[in-house]
Amino acid sequence: MKSTDDSLVLIICAGPIGLATAISLKNRGIKSLIIDRGCLVNSIYHYPINMTFFSTSDRLEIGNIPFISHGPKPTRKEALEYYRRTAEHYDLDINLYETVKNIEGKDGSFEVTTDKGSYEASKIVVATGFYGQENKMNVPGEELPKVLHYYDEPHRYAWQNVLIVGGGNSAADAALETYRCGADVSVLVRKNTLKPTIKYWVKPDIDNRIKEGSITGYFNSEVKEIRETEVDILTPDGLKTIPNDFVLAMTGYRPHYGLMKALKIELTDDDVKMPVYNKETLETKRIGMYVAGVVCGGMDTSKLFIENTRVHADQIASDIEKKI
């Protein structure tokens, strides 16, 4: 398949902000195509099955479509249905399970090659977020099948020795759910405490379970080596070896820097590695190439969310409308 429509706006990633951008463009009569290497709202799909959002549903809305949830906070299942129905309502042009392989051409006239075809586009919007690239621990044994960077649901961990690595929301949720499913759970945190940003209705629970010893907490500690039936961890008391069946590495995620490098998107030269872009239009230094959503924050993944980046859709669409 080859698209020869050089007025096309190609949006990379079918997450909420990618969908919102396509909707805003469509409302202005501008044609777009969304390409995603996974499923619709792939990041949300990979959230834990029983996850509840921190935000209320109204703050996750796009395209002026009401998001009605059964409880005060929407669930993963409700969000998946909401974004699917919103995409259907606007009849968005979306290609799923298609991976961008290469982008050539000069600024404002791009040739995009995927594993299924090629496209000519005048504008590209990168809305890839950060959830698709896990932060590795870089320790021996991390490649073992029992080491997982995504947590789905607790049943498979019943009666198993489970080590949770991380100190944030994902680690707390995984620890509590697997513990209540009968697992022998330990939590390992590099710092001296769990993150204060853990959901307010979860933090007292995880703190109390660690305090009473139902869940073992290792603070100021790190994983040194993972083997089939045990893990070496370095603690303030020295090196310890603990029995282990599964390691859930809830160590966070990072933007798809390989793709941004291929797109020749300039990054800041500090540790944040944030794409360089115009704050008003979201256009990068490459003419016709935009960034949208949480990918704009680079490695600082704690400040940008669906809630405060929905405005990117209108900013980008408005700028594109002025330039066509």
C-alpha atoms as a PDB file:
ATOM      1  CA  MET A   1       0.000   0.000   0.000  1.00  0.00           C
ATOM      2  CA  LYS A   2       1.258   3.484  -0.851  1.00  0.00           C
ATOM      3  CA  SER A   3      -0.375   6.810  -0.131  1.00  0.00           C
ATOM      4  CA  THR A   4       0.574   9.604  -2.572  1.00  0.00           C
ATOM      5  CA  ASP A   5      -1.428  12.331  -0.829  1.00  0.00           C
ATOM      6  CA  ASP A   6       1.309  14.839  -0.007  1.00  0.00           C
ATOM      7  CA  SER A   7      -1.165  16.934   2.045  1.00  0.00           C
ATOM      8  CA  LEU A   8      -1.599  14.086   4.515  1.00  0.00           C
ATOM      9  CA  VAL A   9      -0.822  14.586   8.196  1.00  0.00           C
ATOM     10  CA  LEU A  10       0.668  11.368   9.566  1.00  0.00           C
ATOM     11  CA  ILE A  11       0.198  10.826  13.303  1.00  0.00           C
ATOM     12  CA  ILE A  12       2.466   8.280  14.958  1.00  0.00           C
ATOM     13  CA  CYS A  13       0.664   6.553  17.863  1.00  0.00           C
ATOM     14  CA  ALA A  14      -3.045   5.902  18.455  1.00  0.00           C
ATOM     15  CA  GLY A  15      -3.022   6.994  22.085  1.00  0.00           C
ATOM     16  CA  PRO A  16      -5.470   9.541  23.517  1.00  0.00           C
ATOM     17  CA  ILE A  17      -3.424  12.556  22.331  1.00  0.00           C
ATOM     18  CA  GLY A  18      -2.910  11.083  18.867  1.00  0.00           C
ATOM     19  CA  LEU A  19      -6.661  10.498  18.616  1.00  0.00           C
ATOM     20  CA  ALA A  20      -7.392  14.000  19.904  1.00  0.00           C
ATOM     21  CA  THR A  21      -5.064  15.494  17.290  1.00  0.00           C
ATOM     22  CA  ALA A  22      -6.734  13.546  14.480  1.00  0.00           C
ATOM     23  CA  ILE A  23     -10.146  14.732  15.713  1.00  0.00           C
ATOM     24  CA  SER A  24      -9.025  18.360  15.843  1.00  0.00           C
ATOM     25  CA  LEU A  25      -7.607  18.099  12.327  1.00  0.00           C
ATOM     26  CA  LYS A  26     -10.775  16.458  11.011  1.00  0.00           C
ATOM     27  CA  ASN A  27     -12.890  19.240  12.513  1.00  0.00           C
ATOM     28  CA  ARG A  28     -10.808  21.632  10.393  1.00  0.00           C
ATOM     29  CA  GLY A  29     -11.212  19.546   7.243  1.00  0.00           C
ATOM     30  CA  ILE A  30      -7.613  18.296   7.276  1.00  0.00           C
ATOM     31  CA  LYS A  31      -6.909  14.670   6.365  1.00  0.00           C
ATOM     32  CA  SER A  32      -4.831  12.558   8.747  1.00  0.00           C
ATOM     33  CA  LEU A  33      -3.761   8.961   9.185  1.00  0.00           C
ATOM     34  CA  ILE A  34      -2.802   7.426  12.532  1.00  0.00           C
ATOM     35  CA  ILE A  35      -0.256   4.608  12.585  1.00  0.00           C
ATOM     36  CA  ASP A  36       0.447   2.551  15.710  1.00  0.00           C
ATOM     37  CA  ARG A  37       2.717  -0.444  16.200  1.00  0.00           C
ATOM     38  CA  GLY A  38       0.246  -1.865  18.744  1.00  0.00           C
ATOM     39  CA  CYS A  39      -3.461  -1.748  19.465  1.00  0.00           C
ATOM     40  CA  LEU A  40      -5.687   1.279  19.974  1.00  0.00           C
ATOM     41  CA  VAL A  41      -4.533   3.235  23.061  1.00  0.00           C
ATOM     42  CA  ASN A  42      -1.844   0.600  23.458  1.00  0.00           C
ATOM     43  CA  SER A  43      -0.372   2.101  26.636  1.00  0.00           C
ATOM     44  CA  ILE A  44      -3.704   2.027  28.470  1.00  0.00           C
ATOM     45  CA  TYR A  45      -4.266  -1.528  27.256  1.00  0.00           C
ATOM     46  CA  HIS A  46      -1.031  -2.529  29.018  1.00  0.00           C
ATOM     47  CA  TYR A  47      -2.073  -0.983  32.333  1.00  0.00           C
ATOM     48  CA  PRO A  48      -2.913  -3.506  35.090  1.00  0.00           C
ATOM     49  CA  ILE A  49      -6.306  -5.075  34.414  1.00  0.00           C
ATOM     50  CA  ASN A  50      -7.840  -3.791  37.658  1.00  0.00           C
ATOM     51  CA  MET A  51      -6.298  -0.310  37.487  1.00  0.00           C
ATOM     52  CA  THR A  52      -8.262   2.773  38.478  1.00  0.00           C
ATOM     53  CA  PHE A  53      -7.151   6.165  37.149  1.00  0.00           C
ATOM     54  CA  PHE A  54      -6.035   8.884  39.529  1.00  0.00           C
ATOM     55  CA  SER A  55      -8.036  11.488  37.586  1.00  0.00           C
ATOM     56  CA  THR A  56     -11.775  11.863  37.184  1.00  0.00           C
ATOM     57  CA  SER A  57     -13.232  10.875  33.815  1.00  0.00           C
ATOM     58  CA  ASP A  58     -13.967  14.428  32.658  1.00  0.00           C
ATOM     59  CA  ARG A  59     -10.249  15.206  32.643  1.00  0.00           C
ATOM     60  CA  LEU A  60      -9.600  12.328  30.227  1.00  0.00           C
ATOM     61  CA  GLU A  61     -12.182  13.412  27.651  1.00  0.00           C
ATOM     62  CA  ILE A  62     -11.240  14.229  24.061  1.00  0.00           C
ATOM     63  CA  GLY A  63     -13.213  15.475  21.085  1.00  0.00           C
ATOM     64  CA  ASN A  64     -16.024  16.891  23.251  1.00  0.00           C
ATOM     65  CA  ILE A  65     -17.317  13.365  23.820  1.00  0.00           C
ATOM     66  CA  PRO A  66     -18.501  12.871  27.439  1.00  0.00           C
ATOM     67  CA  PHE A  67     -16.693  10.162  29.400  1.00  0.00           C
ATOM     68  CA  ILE A  68     -19.135   8.705  31.914  1.00  0.00           C
ATOM     69  CA  SER A  69     -17.697   6.287  34.478  1.00  0.00           C
ATOM     70  CA  HIS A  70     -19.570   4.204  37.044  1.00  0.00           C
ATOM     71  CA  GLY A  71     -17.398   5.349  39.947  1.00  0.00           C
ATOM     72  CA  PRO A  72     -15.707   8.631  40.918  1.00  0.00           C
ATOM     73  CA  LYS A  73     -12.531   7.448  39.152  1.00  0.00           C
ATOM     74  CA  PRO A  74     -12.677   5.617  35.800  1.00  0.00           C
ATOM     75  CA  THR A  75     -11.200   2.163  35.313  1.00  0.00           C
ATOM     76  CA  ARG A  76      -8.882   0.853  32.617  1.00  0.00           C
ATOM     77  CA  LYS A  77     -11.782  -1.074  31.060  1.00  0.00           C
ATOM     78  CA  GLU A  78     -13.947   2.033  30.917  1.00  0.00           C
ATOM     79  CA  ALA A  79     -11.139   4.045  29.333  1.00  0.00           C
ATOM     80  CA  LEU A  80     -10.534   1.431  26.642  1.00  0.00           C
ATOM     81  CA  GLU A  81     -14.216   1.487  25.708  1.00  0.00           C
ATOM     82  CA  TYR A  82     -14.392   5.280  25.815  1.00  0.00           C
ATOM     83  CA  TYR A  83     -11.476   5.860  23.440  1.00  0.00           C
ATOM     84  CA  ARG A  84     -12.635   3.090  21.111  1.00  0.00           C
ATOM     85  CA  ARG A  85     -16.126   4.604  20.880  1.00  0.00           C
ATOM     86  CA  THR A  86     -14.692   8.096  20.396  1.00  0.00           C
ATOM     87  CA  ALA A  87     -12.512   6.908  17.492  1.00  0.00           C
ATOM     88  CA  GLU A  88     -15.554   5.174  15.984  1.00  0.00           C
ATOM     89  CA  HIS A  89     -17.726   8.271  16.410  1.00  0.00           C
ATOM     90  CA  TYR A  90     -15.282  10.397  14.414  1.00  0.00           C
ATOM     91  CA  ASP A  91     -14.547   7.585  11.941  1.00  0.00           C
ATOM     92  CA  LEU A  92     -10.821   8.179  12.251  1.00  0.00           C
ATOM     93  CA  ASP A  93      -8.426   6.637   9.750  1.00  0.00           C
ATOM     94  CA  ILE A  94      -6.229   4.350  11.876  1.00  0.00           C
ATOM     95  CA  ASN A  95      -3.763   1.608  10.943  1.00  0.00           C
ATOM     96  CA  LEU A  96      -2.955  -0.637  13.902  1.00  0.00           C
ATOM     97  CA  TYR A  97      -0.104  -3.145  14.285  1.00  0.00           C
ATOM     98  CA  GLU A  98       1.963  -1.205  11.754  1.00  0.00           C
ATOM     99  CA  THR A  99       5.487  -0.127  12.673  1.00  0.00           C
ATOM    100  CA  VAL A 100       7.324   2.893  11.279  1.00  0.00           C
ATOM    101  CA  LYS A 101      10.659   1.721   9.880  1.00  0.00           C
ATOM    102  CA  ASN A 102      12.131   4.748   8.154  1.00  0.00           C
ATOM    103  CA  ILE A 103      11.403   8.383   7.324  1.00  0.00           C
ATOM    104  CA  GLU A 104      13.135  10.204   4.495  1.00  0.00           C
ATOM    105  CA  GLY A 105      12.626  13.418   2.590  1.00  0.00           C
ATOM    106  CA  LYS A 106      13.096  17.062   3.419  1.00  0.00           C
ATOM    107  CA  ASP A 107      11.251  19.053   6.050  1.00  0.00           C
ATOM    108  CA  GLY A 108       7.608  19.524   5.063  1.00  0.00           C
ATOM    109  CA  SER A 109       7.689  16.661   2.546  1.00  0.00           C
ATOM    110  CA  PHE A 110       8.219  13.299   4.183  1.00  0.00           C
ATOM    111  CA  GLU A 111       8.386   9.752   2.836  1.00  0.00           C
ATOM    112  CA  VAL A 112       7.384   7.343   5.604  1.00  0.00           C
ATOM    113  CA  THR A 113       8.090   3.632   5.271  1.00  0.00           C
ATOM    114  CA  THR A 114       6.458   1.068   7.553  1.00  0.00           C
ATOM    115  CA  ASP A 115       6.465  -2.703   7.693  1.00  0.00           C
ATOM    116  CA  LYS A 116       3.252  -2.655   5.638  1.00  0.00           C
ATOM    117  CA  GLY A 117       3.639   0.186   3.151  1.00  0.00           C
ATOM    118  CA  SER A 118       4.824   3.714   2.495  1.00  0.00           C
ATOM    119  CA  TYR A 119       3.242   7.154   2.742  1.00  0.00           C
ATOM    120  CA  GLU A 120       3.945  10.687   1.605  1.00  0.00           C
ATOM    121  CA  ALA A 121       3.040  13.296   4.195  1.00  0.00           C
ATOM    122  CA  SER A 122       3.448  17.035   4.519  1.00  0.00           C
ATOM    123  CA  LYS A 123       3.269  16.949   8.309  1.00  0.00           C
ATOM    124  CA  ILE A 124       4.146  14.379  10.988  1.00  0.00           C
ATOM    125  CA  VAL A 125       2.893  14.379  14.574  1.00  0.00           C
ATOM    126  CA  VAL A 126       4.833  12.223  17.058  1.00  0.00           C
ATOM    127  CA  ALA A 127       2.570  11.310  19.985  1.00  0.00           C
ATOM    128  CA  THR A 128       4.337   8.164  21.150  1.00  0.00           C
ATOM    129  CA  GLY A 129       4.305   8.828  24.900  1.00  0.00           C
ATOM    130  CA  PHE A 130       6.814   6.864  26.947  1.00  0.00           C
ATOM    131  CA  TYR A 131       5.072   3.707  28.127  1.00  0.00           C
ATOM    132  CA  GLY A 132       6.409   1.510  25.334  1.00  0.00           C
ATOM    133  CA  GLN A 133      10.077   1.570  26.392  1.00  0.00           C
ATOM    134  CA  GLU A 134      10.820   0.132  29.827  1.00  0.00           C
ATOM    135  CA  ASN A 135      13.731   1.301  31.970  1.00  0.00           C
ATOM    136  CA  LYS A 136      16.072  -1.657  32.313  1.00  0.00           C
ATOM    137  CA  MET A 137      17.810  -2.615  35.552  1.00  0.00           C
ATOM    138  CA  ASN A 138      20.858  -3.727  33.538  1.00  0.00           C
ATOM    139  CA  VAL A 139      21.704  -6.644  35.806  1.00  0.00           C
ATOM    140  CA  PRO A 140      22.626 -10.261  35.027  1.00  0.00           C
ATOM    141  CA  GLY A 141      19.523 -12.406  34.628  1.00  0.00           C
ATOM    142  CA  GLU A 142      17.173  -9.596  33.593  1.00  0.00           C
ATOM    143  CA  GLU A 143      16.509 -11.449  30.345  1.00  0.00           C
ATOM    144  CA  LEU A 144      14.987 -14.449  32.173  1.00  0.00           C
ATOM    145  CA  PRO A 145      11.295 -15.119  31.362  1.00  0.00           C
ATOM    146  CA  LYS A 146      10.338 -14.651  35.007  1.00  0.00           C
ATOM    147  CA  VAL A 147      11.373 -10.965  34.869  1.00  0.00           C
ATOM    148  CA  LEU A 148       8.489  -8.770  33.738  1.00  0.00           C
ATOM    149  CA  HIS A 149       8.336  -5.011  33.164  1.00  0.00           C
ATOM    150  CA  TYR A 150       4.557  -4.944  32.782  1.00  0.00           C
ATOM    151  CA  TYR A 151       2.100  -6.101  35.434  1.00  0.00           C
ATOM    152  CA  ASP A 152      -1.362  -7.261  34.388  1.00  0.00           C
ATOM    153  CA  GLU A 153      -3.198  -9.101  37.159  1.00  0.00           C
ATOM    154  CA  PRO A 154      -2.317 -11.089  40.307  1.00  0.00           C
ATOM    155  CA  HIS A 155      -3.639 -14.639  39.818  1.00  0.00           C
ATOM    156  CA  ARG A 156      -0.510 -16.113  38.171  1.00  0.00           C
ATOM    157  CA  TYR A 157       1.566 -15.105  41.227  1.00  0.00           C
ATOM    158  CA  ALA A 158      -0.469 -17.000  43.828  1.00  0.00           C
ATOM    159  CA  TRP A 159       1.796 -18.824  46.330  1.00  0.00           C
ATOM    160  CA  GLN A 160       4.941 -17.605  44.558  1.00  0.00           C
ATOM    161  CA  ASN A 161       7.934 -15.648  45.846  1.00  0.00           C
ATOM    162  CA  VAL A 162       7.569 -12.282  44.128  1.00  0.00           C
ATOM    163  CA  LEU A 163      10.038  -9.384  44.182  1.00  0.00           C
ATOM    164  CA  ILE A 164       8.585  -6.003  43.202  1.00  0.00           C
ATOM    165  CA  VAL A 165      11.248  -3.479  42.127  1.00  0.00           C
ATOM    166  CA  GLY A 166      10.153   0.159  42.314  1.00  0.00           C
ATOM    167  CA  GLY A 167       8.607   2.685  44.661  1.00  0.00           C
ATOM    168  CA  GLY A 168       5.730   4.261  42.749  1.00  0.00           C
ATOM    169  CA  ASN A 169       2.085   3.597  41.944  1.00  0.00           C
ATOM    170  CA  SER A 170       2.714   0.572  39.741  1.00  0.00           C
ATOM    171  CA  ALA A 171       4.915  -1.084  42.365  1.00  0.00           C
ATOM    172  CA  ALA A 172       2.417  -0.410  45.159  1.00  0.00           C
ATOM    173  CA  ASP A 173      -0.530  -1.752  43.162  1.00  0.00           C
ATOM    174  CA  ALA A 174       1.356  -4.882  42.101  1.00  0.00           C
ATOM    175  CA  ALA A 175       2.608  -5.535  45.630  1.00  0.00           C
ATOM    176  CA  LEU A 176      -0.806  -5.234  47.261  1.00  0.00           C
ATOM    177  CA  GLU A 177      -2.674  -7.244  44.637  1.00  0.00           C
ATOM    178  CA  THR A 178      -0.173 -10.117  44.527  1.00  0.00           C
ATOM    179  CA  TYR A 179       0.036 -10.175  48.340  1.00  0.00           C
ATOM    180  CA  ARG A 180      -3.752 -10.484  48.585  1.00  0.00           C
ATOM    181  CA  CYS A 181      -3.616 -13.288  46.039  1.00  0.00           C
ATOM    182  CA  GLY A 182      -1.379 -15.343  48.319  1.00  0.00           C
ATOM    183  CA  ALA A 183       2.082 -14.406  47.077  1.00  0.00           C
ATOM    184  CA  ASP A 184       5.078 -13.960  49.366  1.00  0.00           C
ATOM    185  CA  VAL A 185       5.908 -10.380  48.362  1.00  0.00           C
ATOM    186  CA  SER A 186       9.021  -8.261  48.818  1.00  0.00           C
ATOM    187  CA  VAL A 187       9.367  -4.656  47.632  1.00  0.00           C
ATOM    188  CA  LEU A 188      12.793  -3.265  46.745  1.00  0.00           C
ATOM    189  CA  VAL A 189      13.252   0.517  46.539  1.00  0.00           C
ATOM    190  CA  ARG A 190      16.439   2.375  45.629  1.00  0.00           C
ATOM    191  CA  LYS A 191      15.535   5.283  47.929  1.00  0.00           C
ATOM    192  CA  ASN A 192      14.725   5.310  51.631  1.00  0.00           C
ATOM    193  CA  THR A 193      10.972   5.512  51.173  1.00  0.00           C
ATOM    194  CA  LEU A 194       8.152   4.894  48.736  1.00  0.00           C
ATOM    195  CA  LYS A 195       7.201   7.817  46.507  1.00  0.00           C
ATOM    196  CA  PRO A 196       4.867  10.362  48.136  1.00  0.00           C
ATOM    197  CA  THR A 197       2.966  10.554  44.823  1.00  0.00           C
ATOM    198  CA  ILE A 198       1.415   7.106  45.308  1.00  0.00           C
ATOM    199  CA  LYS A 199      -2.396   7.367  45.085  1.00  0.00           C
ATOM    200  CA  TYR A 200      -3.723   8.672  48.390  1.00  0.00           C
ATOM    201  CA  TRP A 201      -6.085   5.731  48.885  1.00  0.00           C
ATOM    202  CA  VAL A 202      -3.255   3.222  48.228  1.00  0.00           C
ATOM    203  CA  LYS A 203      -0.301   4.673  50.150  1.00  0.00           C
ATOM    204  CA  PRO A 204      -1.558   4.004  53.720  1.00  0.00           C
ATOM    205  CA  ASP A 205      -2.323   0.428  52.695  1.00  0.00           C
ATOM    206  CA  ILE A 206       1.130  -0.354  51.298  1.00  0.00           C
ATOM    207  CA  ASP A 207       2.870   1.525  54.142  1.00  0.00           C
ATOM    208  CA  ASN A 208       0.977  -0.471  56.771  1.00  0.00           C
ATOM    209  CA  ARG A 209       1.552  -3.825  55.065  1.00  0.00           C
ATOM    210  CA  ILE A 210       5.309  -3.162  55.030  1.00  0.00           C
ATOM    211  CA  LYS A 211       5.268  -1.851  58.595  1.00  0.00           C
ATOM    212  CA  GLU A 212       3.511  -4.952  59.930  1.00  0.00           C
ATOM    213  CA  GLY A 213       5.756  -7.276  57.889  1.00  0.00           C
ATOM    214  CA  SER A 214       3.060  -8.762  55.649  1.00  0.00           C
ATOM    215  CA  ILE A 215       5.118  -7.385  52.748  1.00  0.00           C
ATOM    216  CA  THR A 216       8.891  -7.240  53.188  1.00  0.00           C
ATOM    217  CA  GLY A 217      10.425  -3.879  52.365  1.00  0.00           C
ATOM    218  CA  TYR A 218      14.035  -3.381  51.257  1.00  0.00           C
ATOM    219  CA  PHE A 219      14.953   0.316  51.108  1.00  0.00           C
ATOM    220  CA  ASN A 220      18.166   1.962  49.909  1.00  0.00           C
ATOM    221  CA  SER A 221      18.673  -1.306  48.045  1.00  0.00           C
ATOM    222  CA  GLU A 222      19.235  -2.578  44.512  1.00  0.00           C
ATOM    223  CA  VAL A 223      19.150  -5.791  42.522  1.00  0.00           C
ATOM    224  CA  LYS A 224      22.574  -7.235  41.737  1.00  0.00           C
ATOM    225  CA  GLU A 225      21.772 -10.529  39.986  1.00  0.00           C
ATOM    226  CA  ILE A 226      18.712 -12.604  39.077  1.00  0.00           C
ATOM    227  CA  ARG A 227      18.800 -16.384  38.790  1.00  0.00           C
ATOM    228  CA  GLU A 228      16.159 -19.043  38.167  1.00  0.00           C
ATOM    229  CA  THR A 229      15.158 -19.546  41.803  1.00  0.00           C
ATOM    230  CA  GLU A 230      16.734 -16.622  43.675  1.00  0.00           C
ATOM    231  CA  VAL A 231      17.832 -12.989  43.518  1.00  0.00           C
ATOM    232  CA  ASP A 232      20.872 -11.228  44.957  1.00  0.00           C
ATOM    233  CA  ILE A 233      20.089  -7.799  46.392  1.00  0.00           C
ATOM    234  CA  LEU A 234      22.453  -5.247  47.889  1.00  0.00           C
ATOM    235  CA  THR A 235      20.998  -3.724  51.063  1.00  0.00           C
ATOM    236  CA  PRO A 236      22.402  -1.376  53.726  1.00  0.00           C
ATOM    237  CA  ASP A 237      23.118  -4.566  55.707  1.00  0.00           C
ATOM    238  CA  GLY A 238      25.100  -6.090  52.874  1.00  0.00           C
ATOM    239  CA  LEU A 239      24.415  -8.582  50.087  1.00  0.00           C
ATOM    240  CA  LYS A 240      21.377 -10.822  50.594  1.00  0.00           C
ATOM    241  CA  THR A 241      20.107 -13.754  48.559  1.00  0.00           C
ATOM    242  CA  ILE A 242      16.328 -14.271  48.643  1.00  0.00           C
ATOM    243  CA  PRO A 243      14.220 -17.050  47.103  1.00  0.00           C
ATOM    244  CA  ASN A 244      12.360 -15.902  44.020  1.00  0.00           C
ATOM    245  CA  ASP A 245       9.919 -17.099  41.361  1.00  0.00           C
ATOM    246  CA  PHE A 246       9.068 -13.783  39.688  1.00  0.00           C
ATOM    247  CA  VAL A 247      10.570 -10.303  39.467  1.00  0.00           C
ATOM    248  CA  LEU A 248       8.161  -7.484  38.591  1.00  0.00           C
ATOM    249  CA  ALA A 249      10.386  -4.588  37.555  1.00  0.00           C
ATOM    250  CA  MET A 250       8.128  -1.560  37.981  1.00  0.00           C
ATOM    251  CA  THR A 251      11.057   0.699  37.142  1.00  0.00           C
ATOM    252  CA  GLY A 252       9.273   3.129  34.856  1.00  0.00           C
ATOM    253  CA  TYR A 253       9.479   3.832  31.165  1.00  0.00           C
ATOM    254  CA  ARG A 254      11.095   6.245  28.732  1.00  0.00           C
ATOM    255  CA  PRO A 255      10.289   7.871  25.379  1.00  0.00           C
ATOM    256  CA  HIS A 256      11.026   6.027  22.154  1.00  0.00           C
ATOM    257  CA  TYR A 257      14.382   7.707  21.577  1.00  0.00           C
ATOM    258  CA  GLY A 258      15.276   5.359  18.737  1.00  0.00           C
ATOM    259  CA  LEU A 259      12.339   6.681  16.736  1.00  0.00           C
ATOM    260  CA  MET A 260      13.137  10.310  17.576  1.00  0.00           C
ATOM    261  CA  LYS A 261      16.704   9.745  16.426  1.00  0.00           C
ATOM    262  CA  ALA A 262      15.424   8.298  13.147  1.00  0.00           C
ATOM    263  CA  LEU A 263      13.178  11.336  12.783  1.00  0.00           C
ATOM    264  CA  LYS A 264      16.163  13.634  13.443  1.00  0.00           C
ATOM    265  CA  ILE A 265      14.311  15.396  16.257  1.00  0.00           C
ATOM    266  CA  GLU A 266      16.717  17.522  18.282  1.00  0.00           C
ATOM    267  CA  LEU A 267      16.829  16.810  22.028  1.00  0.00           C
ATOM    268  CA  THR A 268      17.984  18.946  24.937  1.00  0.00           C
ATOM    269  CA  ASP A 269      21.538  18.114  26.006  1.00  0.00           C
ATOM    270  CA  ASP A 270      20.683  17.574  29.682  1.00  0.00           C
ATOM    271  CA  ASP A 271      19.526  14.445  31.520  1.00  0.00           C
ATOM    272  CA  VAL A 272      15.882  15.162  30.651  1.00  0.00           C
ATOM    273  CA  LYS A 273      16.547  14.672  26.912  1.00  0.00           C
ATOM    274  CA  MET A 274      13.377  16.570  26.030  1.00  0.00           C
ATOM    275  CA  PRO A 275      12.565  17.169  22.363  1.00  0.00           C
ATOM    276  CA  VAL A 276      13.197  20.768  21.349  1.00  0.00           C
ATOM    277  CA  TYR A 277       9.950  22.339  20.155  1.00  0.00           C
ATOM    278  CA  ASN A 278       7.974  25.574  19.958  1.00  0.00           C
ATOM    279  CA  LYS A 279       5.839  25.819  23.102  1.00  0.00           C
ATOM    280  CA  GLU A 280       2.991  27.534  21.208  1.00  0.00           C
ATOM    281  CA  THR A 281       2.769  25.308  18.126  1.00  0.00           C
ATOM    282  CA  LEU A 282       4.509  22.086  19.302  1.00  0.00           C
ATOM    283  CA  GLU A 283       6.544  22.114  16.062  1.00  0.00           C
ATOM    284  CA  THR A 284      10.101  20.844  16.377  1.00  0.00           C
ATOM    285  CA  LYS A 285      13.071  22.396  14.616  1.00  0.00           C
ATOM    286  CA  ARG A 286      12.183  20.220  11.646  1.00  0.00           C
ATOM    287  CA  ILE A 287       9.569  22.090   9.626  1.00  0.00           C
ATOM    288  CA  GLY A 288       6.325  20.147   9.546  1.00  0.00           C
ATOM    289  CA  MET A 289       7.247  17.756  12.367  1.00  0.00           C
ATOM    290  CA  TYR A 290       5.421  18.097  15.686  1.00  0.00           C
ATOM    291  CA  VAL A 291       5.481  16.422  19.096  1.00  0.00           C
ATOM    292  CA  ALA A 292       2.383  15.955  21.225  1.00  0.00           C
ATOM    293  CA  GLY A 293       1.462  14.529  24.598  1.00  0.00           C
ATOM    294  CA  VAL A 294       3.737  13.207  27.310  1.00  0.00           C
ATOM    295  CA  VAL A 295       6.609  12.582  24.883  1.00  0.00           C
ATOM    296  CA  CYS A 296       7.216  16.338  25.135  1.00  0.00           C
ATOM    297  CA  GLY A 297       8.561  15.858  28.666  1.00  0.00           C
ATOM    298  CA  GLY A 298      11.414  13.549  27.704  1.00  0.00           C
ATOM    299  CA  MET A 299      12.713  11.644  30.711  1.00  0.00           C
ATOM    300  CA  ASP A 300      10.683  13.800  33.103  1.00  0.00           C
ATOM    301  CA  THR A 301       7.668  11.501  33.006  1.00  0.00           C
ATOM    302  CA  SER A 302       5.967  12.798  36.139  1.00  0.00           C
ATOM    303  CA  LYS A 303       4.611  16.155  34.937  1.00  0.00           C
ATOM    304  CA  LEU A 304       2.788  15.517  31.672  1.00  0.00           C
ATOM    305  CA  PHE A 305      -0.330  13.345  31.428  1.00  0.00           C
ATOM    306  CA  ILE A 306      -3.433  12.990  29.264  1.00  0.00           C
ATOM    307  CA  GLU A 307      -5.120  15.614  31.429  1.00  0.00           C
ATOM    308  CA  ASN A 308      -2.679  18.458  30.771  1.00  0.00           C
ATOM    309  CA  THR A 309      -1.598  17.611  27.219  1.00  0.00           C
ATOM    310  CA  ARG A 310      -5.033  17.335  25.581  1.00  0.00           C
ATOM    311  CA  VAL A 311      -4.576  20.987  24.581  1.00  0.00           C
ATOM    312  CA  HIS A 312      -1.712  19.947  22.286  1.00  0.00           C
ATOM    313  CA  ALA A 313      -4.230  18.640  19.759  1.00  0.00           C
ATOM    314  CA  ASP A 314      -5.775  22.041  19.094  1.00  0.00           C
ATOM    315  CA  GLN A 315      -2.410  23.819  19.226  1.00  0.00           C
ATOM    316  CA  ILE A 316      -1.011  21.552  16.499  1.00  0.00           C
ATOM    317  CA  ALA A 317      -4.151  21.488  14.366  1.00  0.00           C
ATOM    318  CA  SER A 318      -4.439  25.256  14.511  1.00  0.00           C
ATOM    319  CA  ASP A 319      -0.851  25.720  13.372  1.00  0.00           C
ATOM    320  CA  ILE A 320      -1.222  23.201  10.543  1.00  0.00           C
ATOM    321  CA  GLU A 321      -4.433  24.884   9.399  1.00  0.00           C
ATOM    322  CA  LYS A 322      -2.579  28.208   9.077  1.00  0.00           C
ATOM    323  CA  LYS A 323       0.144  26.611   6.965  1.00  0.00           C
ATOM    324  CA  ILE A 324      -1.868  24.678   4.378  1.00  0.00           C
END
